[in-house]
Amino acid sequence: ALAREVMRAGGLTGAAFNAAKEAALDAFIDGRIGFLDMASVVADVIEIMSGDGLGKAAITLDSVRQTDQMARRRAAESIEKRQR
């Protein structure tokens, strides 16, 4: 369901989703969060960053890189709250 929302939102939302998903997966593999926590981390990141106008932002290499970095930082914050 979240992936469909991301697709509908468009813009840089997909870049944020992908970065958060990768960060959450790494944390799961490292044993820092549980399997079910991964979806919550990604949802947190999308919710936090959706107010930044991701869906309407211009897609450039720089904007994708910046979005990726910001999403990974937000994911790290969310992961830290959930760590085992």
Protein backbone atom coordinates (compact mmCIF):
# COMPACT_ATOMS: atom_id res chain seq x y z
CA ALA A 1 0.00 0.00 0.00
CA LEU A 2 2.79 2.43 0.86
CA ALA A 3 4.61 1.75 -2.41
CA ARG A 4 1.43 2.58 -4.33
CA GLU A 5 1.07 5.86 -2.44
CA VAL A 6 4.68 6.66 -3.30
CA MET A 7 4.05 5.94 -6.98
CA ARG A 8 0.98 8.18 -6.96
CA ALA A 9 2.88 10.99 -5.23
CA GLY A 10 5.61 10.98 -7.87
CA GLY A 11 8.47 13.44 -7.90
CA LEU A 12 11.25 12.62 -5.48
CA THR A 13 9.06 10.50 -3.23
CA GLY A 14 10.40 7.33 -4.85
CA ALA A 15 13.98 8.34 -4.10
CA ALA A 16 13.10 8.88 -0.43
CA PHE A 17 11.22 5.56 -0.32
CA ASN A 18 14.13 3.65 -1.82
CA ALA A 19 16.74 5.20 0.48
CA ALA A 20 14.61 4.55 3.58
CA LYS A 21 13.95 0.98 2.45
CA GLU A 22 17.66 0.31 1.97
CA ALA A 23 18.53 1.81 5.36
CA ALA A 24 15.81 -0.22 7.08
CA LEU A 25 16.94 -3.43 5.38
CA ASP A 26 20.55 -2.84 6.44
CA ALA A 27 19.39 -2.29 10.03
CA PHE A 28 17.35 -5.50 9.92
CA ILE A 29 20.24 -7.53 8.50
CA ASP A 30 22.50 -6.10 11.23
CA GLY A 31 19.96 -7.19 13.85
CA ARG A 32 19.23 -3.64 15.01
CA ILE A 33 15.50 -3.77 14.19
CA GLY A 34 12.93 -6.48 13.67
CA PHE A 35 11.46 -7.55 10.35
CA LEU A 36 8.16 -5.75 10.92
CA ASP A 37 9.99 -2.56 11.92
CA MET A 38 11.24 -2.09 8.36
CA ALA A 39 7.85 -0.97 7.04
CA SER A 40 7.41 1.40 9.98
CA VAL A 41 10.78 3.02 9.34
CA VAL A 42 9.95 3.60 5.68
CA ALA A 43 6.49 4.95 6.53
CA ASP A 44 8.00 7.32 9.11
CA VAL A 45 10.45 8.71 6.57
CA ILE A 46 7.80 9.22 3.89
CA GLU A 47 5.46 10.89 6.39
CA ILE A 48 8.17 13.22 7.71
CA MET A 49 9.49 14.14 4.28
CA SER A 50 6.14 14.45 2.50
CA GLY A 51 5.79 17.96 3.87
CA ASP A 52 8.94 18.92 1.97
CA GLY A 53 7.13 18.95 -1.38
CA LEU A 54 8.74 15.75 -2.65
CA GLY A 55 5.88 14.96 -4.99
CA LYS A 56 6.21 18.25 -6.83
CA ALA A 57 9.98 18.66 -6.73
CA ALA A 58 12.02 18.77 -9.91
CA ILE A 59 13.97 15.59 -10.52
CA THR A 60 17.64 16.34 -11.07
CA LEU A 61 20.72 14.36 -10.15
CA ASP A 62 21.44 16.79 -7.31
CA SER A 63 17.89 16.68 -5.97
CA VAL A 64 17.88 12.88 -6.02
CA ARG A 65 21.20 12.78 -4.15
CA GLN A 66 20.00 15.30 -1.58
CA THR A 67 16.72 13.45 -1.09
CA ASP A 68 18.58 10.16 -0.71
CA GLN A 69 20.89 11.61 1.94
CA MET A 70 18.04 13.24 3.87
CA ALA A 71 15.93 10.07 3.77
CA ARG A 72 18.83 8.01 5.08
CA ARG A 73 19.32 10.48 7.95
CA ARG A 74 15.61 10.37 8.79
CA ALA A 75 15.65 6.57 8.58
CA ALA A 76 18.62 6.43 10.95
CA GLU A 77 16.64 8.52 13.45
CA SER A 78 13.64 6.21 13.13
CA ILE A 79 15.83 3.11 13.43
CA GLU A 80 17.52 4.48 16.55
CA LYS A 81 14.12 4.76 18.26
CA ARG A 82 13.35 1.11 17.46
CA GLN A 83 16.72 -0.52 18.11
CA ARG A 84 16.72 -3.76 20.06
